[in-house]
Amino acid sequence: MAAWQGQQDALADMGVQIVAASVEPRAPVQEMAAKAGVNFPMAYGVTPDDAELLGAWWAEAHDGHIQPTEFLLGRGGTVLGAMYASGPVGRISPDEAVHFIQGRERRR
């Protein structure tokens, strides 16, 4: 989350908003956000039903959790890029997101 926070200004300059979600309850999410200096919206208490709405894989191990699922949405909600993982590897980095969006804007 801290890495995304570090790119928030660059993303905001392009009109991009960051939103995150976690299965954790409110207090731990707020604590993590405070430690990381995160000031973008973070949902908490994600359920298996929420994961299904996103098309994300829900793992039952360790009391259940959503596997990483990330979207880059364009104007009007068009999905420009998506990443669905079945483990901790393969996440979109904030630097990659900035590079992708800058390239797309140059081509527009």
C-alpha atoms as a PDB file:
ATOM      1  CA  MET A   1       0.000   0.000   0.000  1.00  0.00           C
ATOM      2  CA  ALA A   2       2.856   2.367   0.760  1.00  0.00           C
ATOM      3  CA  ALA A   3       4.172   1.966  -2.803  1.00  0.00           C
ATOM      4  CA  TRP A   4       0.765   2.960  -4.202  1.00  0.00           C
ATOM      5  CA  GLN A   5       0.677   5.911  -1.816  1.00  0.00           C
ATOM      6  CA  GLY A   6       4.096   6.904  -3.153  1.00  0.00           C
ATOM      7  CA  GLN A   7       2.662   7.141  -6.680  1.00  0.00           C
ATOM      8  CA  GLN A   8      -0.615   8.757  -5.663  1.00  0.00           C
ATOM      9  CA  ASP A   9       0.383  12.268  -6.781  1.00  0.00           C
ATOM     10  CA  ALA A  10       1.531  11.058 -10.212  1.00  0.00           C
ATOM     11  CA  LEU A  11      -1.662   9.048 -10.596  1.00  0.00           C
ATOM     12  CA  ALA A  12      -3.860  11.928  -9.394  1.00  0.00           C
ATOM     13  CA  ASP A  13      -2.200  14.227 -11.942  1.00  0.00           C
ATOM     14  CA  MET A  14      -3.510  11.826 -14.602  1.00  0.00           C
ATOM     15  CA  GLY A  15      -6.992  11.773 -13.059  1.00  0.00           C
ATOM     16  CA  VAL A  16      -6.513   8.335 -11.502  1.00  0.00           C
ATOM     17  CA  GLN A  17      -7.979   7.362  -8.150  1.00  0.00           C
ATOM     18  CA  ILE A  18      -6.662   4.456  -6.060  1.00  0.00           C
ATOM     19  CA  VAL A  19      -9.108   2.270  -4.125  1.00  0.00           C
ATOM     20  CA  ALA A  20      -8.097  -0.793  -2.092  1.00  0.00           C
ATOM     21  CA  ALA A  21      -9.958  -3.510  -0.207  1.00  0.00           C
ATOM     22  CA  SER A  22      -9.105  -6.099   2.435  1.00  0.00           C
ATOM     23  CA  VAL A  23     -10.765  -8.995   4.226  1.00  0.00           C
ATOM     24  CA  GLU A  24      -9.483  -7.584   7.501  1.00  0.00           C
ATOM     25  CA  PRO A  25     -11.867  -5.779   9.865  1.00  0.00           C
ATOM     26  CA  ARG A  26     -11.902  -1.992  10.071  1.00  0.00           C
ATOM     27  CA  ALA A  27      -9.411  -1.501  12.929  1.00  0.00           C
ATOM     28  CA  PRO A  28      -6.498  -3.458  11.388  1.00  0.00           C
ATOM     29  CA  VAL A  29      -7.076  -1.811   7.999  1.00  0.00           C
ATOM     30  CA  GLN A  30      -7.027   1.640   9.606  1.00  0.00           C
ATOM     31  CA  GLU A  31      -3.873   0.734  11.550  1.00  0.00           C
ATOM     32  CA  MET A  32      -2.111  -0.507   8.413  1.00  0.00           C
ATOM     33  CA  ALA A  33      -3.177   2.574   6.473  1.00  0.00           C
ATOM     34  CA  ALA A  34      -1.877   4.851   9.227  1.00  0.00           C
ATOM     35  CA  LYS A  35       1.483   3.013   9.373  1.00  0.00           C
ATOM     36  CA  ALA A  36       1.874   3.199   5.594  1.00  0.00           C
ATOM     37  CA  GLY A  37       0.682   6.805   5.399  1.00  0.00           C
ATOM     38  CA  VAL A  38      -2.138   5.773   3.069  1.00  0.00           C
ATOM     39  CA  ASN A  39      -4.851   8.344   2.451  1.00  0.00           C
ATOM     40  CA  PHE A  40      -6.767   6.723  -0.413  1.00  0.00           C
ATOM     41  CA  PRO A  41     -10.048   4.847   0.212  1.00  0.00           C
ATOM     42  CA  MET A  42      -9.647   1.371   1.683  1.00  0.00           C
ATOM     43  CA  ALA A  43     -12.607  -0.952   2.088  1.00  0.00           C
ATOM     44  CA  TYR A  44     -12.553  -3.602   4.785  1.00  0.00           C
ATOM     45  CA  GLY A  45     -14.375  -6.813   5.583  1.00  0.00           C
ATOM     46  CA  VAL A  46     -14.365  -8.210   2.022  1.00  0.00           C
ATOM     47  CA  THR A  47     -16.463 -11.388   1.914  1.00  0.00           C
ATOM     48  CA  PRO A  48     -16.552 -14.396  -0.405  1.00  0.00           C
ATOM     49  CA  ASP A  49     -19.613 -12.833  -2.061  1.00  0.00           C
ATOM     50  CA  ASP A  50     -17.604  -9.646  -2.713  1.00  0.00           C
ATOM     51  CA  ALA A  51     -14.791 -11.736  -4.206  1.00  0.00           C
ATOM     52  CA  GLU A  52     -17.272 -13.457  -6.506  1.00  0.00           C
ATOM     53  CA  LEU A  53     -18.590 -10.094  -7.715  1.00  0.00           C
ATOM     54  CA  LEU A  54     -15.024  -9.192  -8.700  1.00  0.00           C
ATOM     55  CA  GLY A  55     -14.338 -12.570 -10.247  1.00  0.00           C
ATOM     56  CA  ALA A  56     -11.549 -13.058  -7.709  1.00  0.00           C
ATOM     57  CA  TRP A  57     -10.420 -16.364  -6.292  1.00  0.00           C
ATOM     58  CA  TRP A  58     -11.310 -16.884  -2.624  1.00  0.00           C
ATOM     59  CA  ALA A  59      -8.923 -19.071  -0.618  1.00  0.00           C
ATOM     60  CA  GLU A  60     -10.364 -20.908   2.368  1.00  0.00           C
ATOM     61  CA  ALA A  61      -6.945 -21.369   4.025  1.00  0.00           C
ATOM     62  CA  HIS A  62      -6.029 -19.166   6.994  1.00  0.00           C
ATOM     63  CA  ASP A  63      -9.655 -18.301   7.853  1.00  0.00           C
ATOM     64  CA  GLY A  64     -10.377 -17.285   4.260  1.00  0.00           C
ATOM     65  CA  HIS A  65      -9.051 -14.446   2.143  1.00  0.00           C
ATOM     66  CA  ILE A  66      -9.362 -12.946  -1.296  1.00  0.00           C
ATOM     67  CA  GLN A  67      -6.410 -13.499  -3.601  1.00  0.00           C
ATOM     68  CA  PRO A  68      -4.920 -10.379  -5.208  1.00  0.00           C
ATOM     69  CA  THR A  69      -7.232  -8.935  -7.828  1.00  0.00           C
ATOM     70  CA  GLU A  70      -6.418  -5.644  -9.509  1.00  0.00           C
ATOM     71  CA  PHE A  71      -8.074  -3.535 -12.166  1.00  0.00           C
ATOM     72  CA  LEU A  72      -7.067  -0.500 -14.172  1.00  0.00           C
ATOM     73  CA  LEU A  73     -10.310   1.174 -15.186  1.00  0.00           C
ATOM     74  CA  GLY A  74     -10.537   3.815 -17.853  1.00  0.00           C
ATOM     75  CA  ARG A  75     -13.011   6.561 -18.419  1.00  0.00           C
ATOM     76  CA  GLY A  76     -16.543   5.284 -18.094  1.00  0.00           C
ATOM     77  CA  GLY A  77     -15.419   2.178 -16.200  1.00  0.00           C
ATOM     78  CA  THR A  78     -13.857   0.347 -19.152  1.00  0.00           C
ATOM     79  CA  VAL A  79     -11.417  -2.316 -17.935  1.00  0.00           C
ATOM     80  CA  LEU A  80      -8.034  -1.445 -19.445  1.00  0.00           C
ATOM     81  CA  GLY A  81      -6.106  -4.061 -17.535  1.00  0.00           C
ATOM     82  CA  ALA A  82      -6.787  -6.714 -14.920  1.00  0.00           C
ATOM     83  CA  MET A  83      -4.768  -9.145 -12.847  1.00  0.00           C
ATOM     84  CA  TYR A  84      -6.185 -12.140 -11.018  1.00  0.00           C
ATOM     85  CA  ALA A  85      -3.796 -14.161  -8.859  1.00  0.00           C
ATOM     86  CA  SER A  86      -4.029 -17.489  -7.091  1.00  0.00           C
ATOM     87  CA  GLY A  87      -1.143 -16.601  -4.801  1.00  0.00           C
ATOM     88  CA  PRO A  88       1.110 -13.745  -3.690  1.00  0.00           C
ATOM     89  CA  VAL A  89       3.029 -13.427  -6.996  1.00  0.00           C
ATOM     90  CA  GLY A  90       2.031 -11.361 -10.000  1.00  0.00           C
ATOM     91  CA  ARG A  91       0.708  -8.078  -8.697  1.00  0.00           C
ATOM     92  CA  ILE A  92       0.628  -4.865 -10.732  1.00  0.00           C
ATOM     93  CA  SER A  93       3.253  -2.473  -9.411  1.00  0.00           C
ATOM     94  CA  PRO A  94       2.412   1.208  -9.020  1.00  0.00           C
ATOM     95  CA  ASP A  95       5.300   2.098 -11.351  1.00  0.00           C
ATOM     96  CA  GLU A  96       3.910  -0.238 -14.034  1.00  0.00           C
ATOM     97  CA  ALA A  97       0.460   1.300 -13.654  1.00  0.00           C
ATOM     98  CA  VAL A  98       1.842   4.826 -14.079  1.00  0.00           C
ATOM     99  CA  HIS A  99       3.869   3.748 -17.129  1.00  0.00           C
ATOM    100  CA  PHE A 100       0.866   1.995 -18.689  1.00  0.00           C
ATOM    101  CA  ILE A 101      -1.455   4.971 -18.160  1.00  0.00           C
ATOM    102  CA  GLN A 102       1.111   7.491 -19.433  1.00  0.00           C
ATOM    103  CA  GLY A 103       1.630   5.397 -22.583  1.00  0.00           C
ATOM    104  CA  ARG A 104      -2.090   5.082 -23.142  1.00  0.00           C
ATOM    105  CA  GLU A 105      -2.575   8.843 -22.723  1.00  0.00           C
ATOM    106  CA  ARG A 106       0.231   9.564 -25.206  1.00  0.00           C
ATOM    107  CA  ARG A 107      -1.493   7.337 -27.766  1.00  0.00           C
ATOM    108  CA  ARG A 108      -4.834   9.109 -27.272  1.00  0.00           C
END
